[in-house]
Amino acid sequence: MARGSVLAPLALLCALLATAAAHTYHTGSCPAYAPQKDFDMTKFLGDWFVYQKTSSSAKCLVNNYALDPERPGVYKLEQSSVHAVLGLTSRDGRWRYNGELTLRENATSKADLQVKYSLNPGSAAYSVLLTDYDNFAAIVSCQDLPIGYRVSATVLSRKRTLDNRLAEKAREALAKNGMETDSLTLLQQGEEECAPPKPGEGFHGAVQRAGDVINQGVQAVKDGAVKLFNKVRGQNGSAESMEANNGNYTIVTSDKDAEWLP
């Protein structure tokens, strides 16, 4: 079997599962957030380094926001990262995940957006809570699920590093909107560690790494679904308690409005 024909589906599966861990799960519906007033999207465009993100294992993640010249009011979002497995499907070693941003229906601000990604027809709320356009930004994305919702917080920086004072300002904005800032993960963004993977990695090694990512992703989905299930059942248990009650576990499946959010 050709190497590309094996790596392509593996990379896609890794992409979907890797994003599942970058959220916290809750009962109910997505709450209302307070997006920044007088937001100017044109000043927000360009590259942003992801400085911190909810429970993320991503490496060297960069968001690029751009105008869609053919569709007024639509903005392109490209998220790219260096990944030893997913990067094998691209020429420069970076994995790219594309989406589009539009203003939400009944939006209270131009920062009150929704995002749709190319791998799924669903959408999620995408709110810019605070930004100074030149240094930092605080973003929250939230998606309703059949028995609850999942949410992800992000701190962005125009540079690879971010002044502690500005990072704290971003985290305060997230906390004021009910986000769990303790779950934020600091992402690697150094020039050396973010260099593209060196060519020549063995095919067997790539597949083995893909298997590791898949196993981690499945466990993350399982743990998130179990916690949410136990909340609905009024329990405060772990994956083992759910398995003990039912003999197995059920992963919350996506519907047409469910989206894998990086």
C-alpha atoms as a PDB file:
ATOM      1  CA  MET A   1       0.000   0.000   0.000  1.00  0.00           C
ATOM      2  CA  ALA A   2       1.306   3.455  -0.892  1.00  0.00           C
ATOM      3  CA  ARG A   3       2.662   5.561   1.946  1.00  0.00           C
ATOM      4  CA  GLY A   4       0.405   8.522   1.118  1.00  0.00           C
ATOM      5  CA  SER A   5      -2.732   6.371   1.050  1.00  0.00           C
ATOM      6  CA  VAL A   6      -2.008   5.228   4.610  1.00  0.00           C
ATOM      7  CA  LEU A   7      -0.903   8.550   6.090  1.00  0.00           C
ATOM      8  CA  ALA A   8      -3.795  10.610   4.734  1.00  0.00           C
ATOM      9  CA  PRO A   9      -6.589   8.855   6.698  1.00  0.00           C
ATOM     10  CA  LEU A  10      -4.318   8.510   9.735  1.00  0.00           C
ATOM     11  CA  ALA A  11      -3.604  12.234   9.667  1.00  0.00           C
ATOM     12  CA  LEU A  12      -7.293  13.051   9.381  1.00  0.00           C
ATOM     13  CA  LEU A  13      -8.166  10.802  12.319  1.00  0.00           C
ATOM     14  CA  CYS A  14      -5.325  12.270  14.376  1.00  0.00           C
ATOM     15  CA  ALA A  15      -6.552  15.763  13.549  1.00  0.00           C
ATOM     16  CA  LEU A  16     -10.055  15.046  14.749  1.00  0.00           C
ATOM     17  CA  LEU A  17      -9.018  13.283  17.929  1.00  0.00           C
ATOM     18  CA  ALA A  18      -6.251  15.720  18.848  1.00  0.00           C
ATOM     19  CA  THR A  19      -8.727  18.595  18.932  1.00  0.00           C
ATOM     20  CA  ALA A  20     -11.075  16.797  21.314  1.00  0.00           C
ATOM     21  CA  ALA A  21      -8.776  17.317  24.293  1.00  0.00           C
ATOM     22  CA  ALA A  22      -8.641  21.111  23.925  1.00  0.00           C
ATOM     23  CA  HIS A  23     -11.963  21.717  25.671  1.00  0.00           C
ATOM     24  CA  THR A  24     -13.768  21.555  28.978  1.00  0.00           C
ATOM     25  CA  TYR A  25     -17.201  19.918  29.082  1.00  0.00           C
ATOM     26  CA  HIS A  26     -20.281  21.197  30.905  1.00  0.00           C
ATOM     27  CA  THR A  27     -24.012  20.579  31.259  1.00  0.00           C
ATOM     28  CA  GLY A  28     -26.607  22.950  29.846  1.00  0.00           C
ATOM     29  CA  SER A  29     -26.112  25.253  26.860  1.00  0.00           C
ATOM     30  CA  CYS A  30     -23.362  27.639  25.844  1.00  0.00           C
ATOM     31  CA  PRO A  31     -23.584  30.741  28.065  1.00  0.00           C
ATOM     32  CA  ALA A  32     -23.636  34.296  26.780  1.00  0.00           C
ATOM     33  CA  TYR A  33     -20.229  35.944  26.614  1.00  0.00           C
ATOM     34  CA  ALA A  34     -19.285  39.620  26.632  1.00  0.00           C
ATOM     35  CA  PRO A  35     -17.358  40.333  23.412  1.00  0.00           C
ATOM     36  CA  GLN A  36     -15.269  43.467  23.071  1.00  0.00           C
ATOM     37  CA  LYS A  37     -17.203  46.574  22.123  1.00  0.00           C
ATOM     38  CA  ASP A  38     -16.131  48.751  19.185  1.00  0.00           C
ATOM     39  CA  PHE A  39     -14.216  45.798  17.743  1.00  0.00           C
ATOM     40  CA  ASP A  40     -12.412  46.425  14.434  1.00  0.00           C
ATOM     41  CA  MET A  41     -11.810  43.204  12.517  1.00  0.00           C
ATOM     42  CA  THR A  42      -9.502  44.888  10.002  1.00  0.00           C
ATOM     43  CA  LYS A  43      -7.046  45.666  12.819  1.00  0.00           C
ATOM     44  CA  PHE A  44      -7.309  42.093  14.056  1.00  0.00           C
ATOM     45  CA  LEU A  45      -6.317  40.458  10.752  1.00  0.00           C
ATOM     46  CA  GLY A  46      -2.969  38.769  10.235  1.00  0.00           C
ATOM     47  CA  ASP A  47      -0.909  36.235  12.151  1.00  0.00           C
ATOM     48  CA  TRP A  48      -1.361  35.479  15.840  1.00  0.00           C
ATOM     49  CA  PHE A  49       0.718  33.014  17.863  1.00  0.00           C
ATOM     50  CA  VAL A  50      -1.358  30.852  20.189  1.00  0.00           C
ATOM     51  CA  TYR A  51       0.257  31.599  23.551  1.00  0.00           C
ATOM     52  CA  GLN A  52      -2.115  29.588  25.756  1.00  0.00           C
ATOM     53  CA  LYS A  53      -5.056  27.294  25.038  1.00  0.00           C
ATOM     54  CA  THR A  54      -7.389  25.079  27.040  1.00  0.00           C
ATOM     55  CA  SER A  55      -5.784  21.666  27.720  1.00  0.00           C
ATOM     56  CA  SER A  56      -3.994  21.684  24.381  1.00  0.00           C
ATOM     57  CA  SER A  57      -1.211  19.397  23.193  1.00  0.00           C
ATOM     58  CA  ALA A  58      -0.683  21.462  20.030  1.00  0.00           C
ATOM     59  CA  LYS A  59       2.800  22.692  19.178  1.00  0.00           C
ATOM     60  CA  CYS A  60       3.710  25.949  17.470  1.00  0.00           C
ATOM     61  CA  LEU A  61       0.081  26.795  16.678  1.00  0.00           C
ATOM     62  CA  VAL A  62      -0.494  29.964  14.642  1.00  0.00           C
ATOM     63  CA  ASN A  63      -3.836  31.535  13.719  1.00  0.00           C
ATOM     64  CA  ASN A  64      -4.094  33.601  10.559  1.00  0.00           C
ATOM     65  CA  TYR A  65      -7.152  35.781   9.993  1.00  0.00           C
ATOM     66  CA  ALA A  66      -7.772  37.166   6.506  1.00  0.00           C
ATOM     67  CA  LEU A  67     -10.501  38.780   4.442  1.00  0.00           C
ATOM     68  CA  ASP A  68     -12.382  36.651   1.950  1.00  0.00           C
ATOM     69  CA  PRO A  69     -12.178  38.876  -1.142  1.00  0.00           C
ATOM     70  CA  GLU A  70     -15.081  37.111  -2.838  1.00  0.00           C
ATOM     71  CA  ARG A  71     -17.535  37.177   0.071  1.00  0.00           C
ATOM     72  CA  PRO A  72     -18.070  40.407   1.989  1.00  0.00           C
ATOM     73  CA  GLY A  73     -18.484  39.866   5.712  1.00  0.00           C
ATOM     74  CA  VAL A  74     -16.666  36.524   5.660  1.00  0.00           C
ATOM     75  CA  TYR A  75     -13.189  36.071   7.125  1.00  0.00           C
ATOM     76  CA  LYS A  76     -10.841  33.155   6.605  1.00  0.00           C
ATOM     77  CA  LEU A  77      -9.240  31.446   9.592  1.00  0.00           C
ATOM     78  CA  GLU A  78      -6.225  29.220   9.022  1.00  0.00           C
ATOM     79  CA  GLN A  79      -4.718  27.389  11.981  1.00  0.00           C
ATOM     80  CA  SER A  80      -1.325  25.823  11.339  1.00  0.00           C
ATOM     81  CA  SER A  81       1.045  23.886  13.557  1.00  0.00           C
ATOM     82  CA  VAL A  82       4.194  21.798  13.402  1.00  0.00           C
ATOM     83  CA  HIS A  83       3.271  18.158  13.871  1.00  0.00           C
ATOM     84  CA  ALA A  84       5.434  15.073  13.356  1.00  0.00           C
ATOM     85  CA  VAL A  85       2.484  13.045  12.044  1.00  0.00           C
ATOM     86  CA  LEU A  86      -0.019  15.503  10.618  1.00  0.00           C
ATOM     87  CA  GLY A  87       2.770  17.510   8.987  1.00  0.00           C
ATOM     88  CA  LEU A  88       3.734  14.536   6.828  1.00  0.00           C
ATOM     89  CA  THR A  89       0.800  15.329   4.551  1.00  0.00           C
ATOM     90  CA  SER A  90       2.197  18.796   3.673  1.00  0.00           C
ATOM     91  CA  ARG A  91       5.343  19.984   1.922  1.00  0.00           C
ATOM     92  CA  ASP A  92       6.535  22.294   4.694  1.00  0.00           C
ATOM     93  CA  GLY A  93       5.788  20.003   7.645  1.00  0.00           C
ATOM     94  CA  ARG A  94       2.907  22.116   8.950  1.00  0.00           C
ATOM     95  CA  TRP A  95      -0.630  20.840   9.432  1.00  0.00           C
ATOM     96  CA  ARG A  96      -3.337  23.318   8.402  1.00  0.00           C
ATOM     97  CA  TYR A  97      -6.953  23.469   9.510  1.00  0.00           C
ATOM     98  CA  ASN A  98      -9.183  25.969   7.729  1.00  0.00           C
ATOM     99  CA  GLY A  99     -12.413  27.648   8.701  1.00  0.00           C
ATOM    100  CA  GLU A 100     -14.418  30.793   8.189  1.00  0.00           C
ATOM    101  CA  LEU A 101     -15.746  33.439  10.533  1.00  0.00           C
ATOM    102  CA  THR A 102     -18.976  35.383  10.165  1.00  0.00           C
ATOM    103  CA  LEU A 103     -21.004  37.639  12.402  1.00  0.00           C
ATOM    104  CA  ARG A 104     -23.454  35.716  14.571  1.00  0.00           C
ATOM    105  CA  GLU A 105     -27.168  36.218  14.159  1.00  0.00           C
ATOM    106  CA  ASN A 106     -28.343  38.864  16.650  1.00  0.00           C
ATOM    107  CA  ALA A 107     -24.713  39.694  17.444  1.00  0.00           C
ATOM    108  CA  THR A 108     -24.166  42.252  20.204  1.00  0.00           C
ATOM    109  CA  SER A 109     -20.782  43.321  18.823  1.00  0.00           C
ATOM    110  CA  LYS A 110     -18.612  42.892  15.745  1.00  0.00           C
ATOM    111  CA  ALA A 111     -16.502  40.647  17.983  1.00  0.00           C
ATOM    112  CA  ASP A 112     -19.488  38.302  18.452  1.00  0.00           C
ATOM    113  CA  LEU A 113     -18.702  35.772  15.720  1.00  0.00           C
ATOM    114  CA  GLN A 114     -19.330  32.184  14.727  1.00  0.00           C
ATOM    115  CA  VAL A 115     -16.835  29.781  13.188  1.00  0.00           C
ATOM    116  CA  LYS A 116     -17.313  26.965  10.684  1.00  0.00           C
ATOM    117  CA  TYR A 117     -14.500  24.562   9.839  1.00  0.00           C
ATOM    118  CA  SER A 118     -13.958  22.805   6.531  1.00  0.00           C
ATOM    119  CA  LEU A 119     -14.013  19.264   7.955  1.00  0.00           C
ATOM    120  CA  ASN A 120     -17.529  19.632   9.337  1.00  0.00           C
ATOM    121  CA  PRO A 121     -20.681  21.603   8.443  1.00  0.00           C
ATOM    122  CA  GLY A 122     -21.338  22.565  12.064  1.00  0.00           C
ATOM    123  CA  SER A 123     -20.615  25.890  13.741  1.00  0.00           C
ATOM    124  CA  ALA A 124     -19.652  27.297  17.120  1.00  0.00           C
ATOM    125  CA  ALA A 125     -19.716  30.639  18.888  1.00  0.00           C
ATOM    126  CA  TYR A 126     -16.407  32.505  18.577  1.00  0.00           C
ATOM    127  CA  SER A 127     -16.061  35.615  20.726  1.00  0.00           C
ATOM    128  CA  VAL A 128     -13.129  38.015  20.918  1.00  0.00           C
ATOM    129  CA  LEU A 129     -13.386  39.107  24.541  1.00  0.00           C
ATOM    130  CA  LEU A 130     -10.473  41.528  24.627  1.00  0.00           C
ATOM    131  CA  THR A 131      -7.646  42.669  22.344  1.00  0.00           C
ATOM    132  CA  ASP A 132      -5.354  45.636  21.803  1.00  0.00           C
ATOM    133  CA  TYR A 133      -4.712  44.419  18.214  1.00  0.00           C
ATOM    134  CA  ASP A 134      -0.930  44.906  18.490  1.00  0.00           C
ATOM    135  CA  ASN A 135       0.013  42.567  21.334  1.00  0.00           C
ATOM    136  CA  PHE A 136      -2.599  40.195  22.739  1.00  0.00           C
ATOM    137  CA  ALA A 137      -6.128  38.835  22.450  1.00  0.00           C
ATOM    138  CA  ALA A 138      -8.458  36.665  24.541  1.00  0.00           C
ATOM    139  CA  ILE A 139     -10.879  34.390  22.681  1.00  0.00           C
ATOM    140  CA  VAL A 140     -13.514  31.880  23.724  1.00  0.00           C
ATOM    141  CA  SER A 141     -15.236  29.346  21.459  1.00  0.00           C
ATOM    142  CA  CYS A 142     -18.246  27.319  22.562  1.00  0.00           C
ATOM    143  CA  GLN A 143     -20.195  24.508  20.949  1.00  0.00           C
ATOM    144  CA  ASP A 144     -23.498  22.990  22.025  1.00  0.00           C
ATOM    145  CA  LEU A 145     -23.619  19.185  22.204  1.00  0.00           C
ATOM    146  CA  PRO A 146     -26.612  16.831  22.548  1.00  0.00           C
ATOM    147  CA  ILE A 147     -26.291  16.647  26.361  1.00  0.00           C
ATOM    148  CA  GLY A 148     -24.249  19.722  27.198  1.00  0.00           C
ATOM    149  CA  TYR A 149     -21.595  21.929  25.698  1.00  0.00           C
ATOM    150  CA  ARG A 150     -17.848  22.193  25.369  1.00  0.00           C
ATOM    151  CA  VAL A 151     -15.787  25.329  25.515  1.00  0.00           C
ATOM    152  CA  SER A 152     -12.231  26.355  24.715  1.00  0.00           C
ATOM    153  CA  ALA A 153     -10.276  29.456  25.736  1.00  0.00           C
ATOM    154  CA  THR A 154      -7.315  30.930  23.862  1.00  0.00           C
ATOM    155  CA  VAL A 155      -4.751  33.629  24.588  1.00  0.00           C
ATOM    156  CA  LEU A 156      -3.143  35.014  21.426  1.00  0.00           C
ATOM    157  CA  SER A 157       0.062  37.000  20.954  1.00  0.00           C
ATOM    158  CA  ARG A 158       1.444  38.889  17.962  1.00  0.00           C
ATOM    159  CA  LYS A 159       4.912  37.649  18.942  1.00  0.00           C
ATOM    160  CA  ARG A 160       6.242  34.248  19.977  1.00  0.00           C
ATOM    161  CA  THR A 161       6.330  35.442  23.574  1.00  0.00           C
ATOM    162  CA  LEU A 162       3.951  37.606  25.589  1.00  0.00           C
ATOM    163  CA  ASP A 163       4.614  39.980  28.459  1.00  0.00           C
ATOM    164  CA  ASN A 164       3.306  38.505  31.713  1.00  0.00           C
ATOM    165  CA  ARG A 165       1.266  41.619  32.422  1.00  0.00           C
ATOM    166  CA  LEU A 166      -0.554  41.363  29.100  1.00  0.00           C
ATOM    167  CA  ALA A 167      -1.026  37.612  29.467  1.00  0.00           C
ATOM    168  CA  GLU A 168      -2.626  38.169  32.860  1.00  0.00           C
ATOM    169  CA  LYS A 169      -4.889  40.831  31.365  1.00  0.00           C
ATOM    170  CA  ALA A 170      -6.088  38.311  28.784  1.00  0.00           C
ATOM    171  CA  ARG A 171      -6.648  35.639  31.429  1.00  0.00           C
ATOM    172  CA  GLU A 172      -8.636  38.090  33.553  1.00  0.00           C
ATOM    173  CA  ALA A 173     -10.951  38.723  30.590  1.00  0.00           C
ATOM    174  CA  LEU A 174     -11.457  34.977  30.225  1.00  0.00           C
ATOM    175  CA  ALA A 175     -12.097  34.529  33.950  1.00  0.00           C
ATOM    176  CA  LYS A 176     -14.694  37.312  33.957  1.00  0.00           C
ATOM    177  CA  ASN A 177     -16.548  35.315  31.321  1.00  0.00           C
ATOM    178  CA  GLY A 178     -16.563  32.167  33.417  1.00  0.00           C
ATOM    179  CA  MET A 179     -13.586  30.432  31.832  1.00  0.00           C
ATOM    180  CA  GLU A 180     -11.377  28.048  33.796  1.00  0.00           C
ATOM    181  CA  THR A 181      -7.975  29.687  33.373  1.00  0.00           C
ATOM    182  CA  ASP A 182      -6.246  26.970  35.426  1.00  0.00           C
ATOM    183  CA  SER A 183      -6.740  24.604  32.493  1.00  0.00           C
ATOM    184  CA  LEU A 184      -4.831  26.839  30.064  1.00  0.00           C
ATOM    185  CA  THR A 185      -1.741  25.197  28.569  1.00  0.00           C
ATOM    186  CA  LEU A 186       1.360  27.168  27.566  1.00  0.00           C
ATOM    187  CA  LEU A 187       2.239  26.275  23.968  1.00  0.00           C
ATOM    188  CA  GLN A 188       5.730  25.894  22.544  1.00  0.00           C
ATOM    189  CA  GLN A 189       6.536  28.735  20.151  1.00  0.00           C
ATOM    190  CA  GLY A 190      10.359  28.925  20.046  1.00  0.00           C
ATOM    191  CA  GLU A 191      11.974  29.259  16.621  1.00  0.00           C
ATOM    192  CA  GLU A 192      14.128  26.161  17.057  1.00  0.00           C
ATOM    193  CA  GLU A 193      11.426  23.918  18.491  1.00  0.00           C
ATOM    194  CA  CYS A 194       8.939  25.146  15.883  1.00  0.00           C
ATOM    195  CA  ALA A 195      11.161  24.359  12.918  1.00  0.00           C
ATOM    196  CA  PRO A 196       9.535  21.899  10.463  1.00  0.00           C
ATOM    197  CA  PRO A 197      10.249  18.203  11.175  1.00  0.00           C
ATOM    198  CA  LYS A 198      13.437  16.944   9.562  1.00  0.00           C
ATOM    199  CA  PRO A 199      12.938  14.830   6.437  1.00  0.00           C
ATOM    200  CA  GLY A 200      13.758  11.145   6.424  1.00  0.00           C
ATOM    201  CA  GLU A 201      11.642   9.877   9.295  1.00  0.00           C
ATOM    202  CA  GLY A 202      10.852   6.222   8.717  1.00  0.00           C
ATOM    203  CA  PHE A 203       7.372   5.308   7.570  1.00  0.00           C
ATOM    204  CA  HIS A 204       6.981   2.824  10.422  1.00  0.00           C
ATOM    205  CA  GLY A 205       7.903   5.527  12.926  1.00  0.00           C
ATOM    206  CA  ALA A 206       5.327   7.900  11.486  1.00  0.00           C
ATOM    207  CA  VAL A 207       2.581   5.289  11.721  1.00  0.00           C
ATOM    208  CA  GLN A 208       3.631   4.462  15.282  1.00  0.00           C
ATOM    209  CA  ARG A 209       3.406   8.141  16.258  1.00  0.00           C
ATOM    210  CA  ALA A 210       0.006   8.337  14.601  1.00  0.00           C
ATOM    211  CA  GLY A 211      -1.115   5.417  16.743  1.00  0.00           C
ATOM    212  CA  ASP A 212       0.054   7.208  19.878  1.00  0.00           C
ATOM    213  CA  VAL A 213      -1.893  10.344  18.938  1.00  0.00           C
ATOM    214  CA  ILE A 214      -5.020   8.295  18.194  1.00  0.00           C
ATOM    215  CA  ASN A 215      -4.812   6.529  21.552  1.00  0.00           C
ATOM    216  CA  GLN A 216      -4.403   9.846  23.386  1.00  0.00           C
ATOM    217  CA  GLY A 217      -7.285  11.384  21.454  1.00  0.00           C
ATOM    218  CA  VAL A 218      -9.653   8.488  22.108  1.00  0.00           C
ATOM    219  CA  GLN A 219      -8.855   8.658  25.819  1.00  0.00           C
ATOM    220  CA  ALA A 220      -9.484  12.425  25.825  1.00  0.00           C
ATOM    221  CA  VAL A 221     -12.867  12.000  24.138  1.00  0.00           C
ATOM    222  CA  LYS A 222     -13.754   9.190  26.529  1.00  0.00           C
ATOM    223  CA  ASP A 223     -12.811  11.194  29.627  1.00  0.00           C
ATOM    224  CA  GLY A 224     -14.683  14.293  28.469  1.00  0.00           C
ATOM    225  CA  ALA A 225     -17.807  12.347  27.571  1.00  0.00           C
ATOM    226  CA  VAL A 226     -17.752  10.412  30.844  1.00  0.00           C
ATOM    227  CA  LYS A 227     -17.412  13.556  32.950  1.00  0.00           C
ATOM    228  CA  LEU A 228     -20.310  15.151  31.103  1.00  0.00           C
ATOM    229  CA  PHE A 229     -22.406  11.978  31.431  1.00  0.00           C
ATOM    230  CA  ASN A 230     -21.781  11.798  35.164  1.00  0.00           C
ATOM    231  CA  LYS A 231     -22.719  15.461  35.573  1.00  0.00           C
ATOM    232  CA  VAL A 232     -26.022  14.819  33.853  1.00  0.00           C
ATOM    233  CA  ARG A 233     -26.592  11.778  36.084  1.00  0.00           C
ATOM    234  CA  GLY A 234     -25.720  13.836  39.171  1.00  0.00           C
ATOM    235  CA  GLN A 235     -22.552  11.856  39.775  1.00  0.00           C
ATOM    236  CA  ASN A 236     -18.995  12.971  40.319  1.00  0.00           C
ATOM    237  CA  GLY A 237     -17.168   9.920  39.080  1.00  0.00           C
ATOM    238  CA  SER A 238     -14.435   8.939  36.708  1.00  0.00           C
ATOM    239  CA  ALA A 239     -14.382   6.811  33.586  1.00  0.00           C
ATOM    240  CA  GLU A 240     -14.239   3.724  35.785  1.00  0.00           C
ATOM    241  CA  SER A 241     -17.439   4.651  37.634  1.00  0.00           C
ATOM    242  CA  MET A 242     -19.328   5.023  34.391  1.00  0.00           C
ATOM    243  CA  GLU A 243     -18.056   1.687  33.120  1.00  0.00           C
ATOM    244  CA  ALA A 244     -19.007   0.045  36.387  1.00  0.00           C
ATOM    245  CA  ASN A 245     -22.547   1.371  36.083  1.00  0.00           C
ATOM    246  CA  ASN A 246     -23.125   0.523  32.442  1.00  0.00           C
ATOM    247  CA  GLY A 247     -20.535  -2.053  31.519  1.00  0.00           C
ATOM    248  CA  ASN A 248     -19.107   0.292  28.926  1.00  0.00           C
ATOM    249  CA  TYR A 249     -19.020   3.943  27.994  1.00  0.00           C
ATOM    250  CA  THR A 250     -20.670   5.962  25.259  1.00  0.00           C
ATOM    251  CA  ILE A 251     -18.868   8.755  23.451  1.00  0.00           C
ATOM    252  CA  VAL A 252     -21.009  11.807  22.751  1.00  0.00           C
ATOM    253  CA  THR A 253     -21.444  11.908  18.992  1.00  0.00           C
ATOM    254  CA  SER A 254     -21.535  15.017  16.839  1.00  0.00           C
ATOM    255  CA  ASP A 255     -24.699  16.119  15.087  1.00  0.00           C
ATOM    256  CA  LYS A 256     -24.998  18.570  12.215  1.00  0.00           C
ATOM    257  CA  ASP A 257     -24.332  21.453  14.590  1.00  0.00           C
ATOM    258  CA  ALA A 258     -21.337  19.789  16.236  1.00  0.00           C
ATOM    259  CA  GLU A 259     -17.829  20.751  15.188  1.00  0.00           C
ATOM    260  CA  TRP A 260     -14.330  19.646  16.066  1.00  0.00           C
ATOM    261  CA  LEU A 261     -12.710  22.793  17.393  1.00  0.00           C
ATOM    262  CA  PRO A 262      -8.959  23.095  17.534  1.00  0.00           C
END
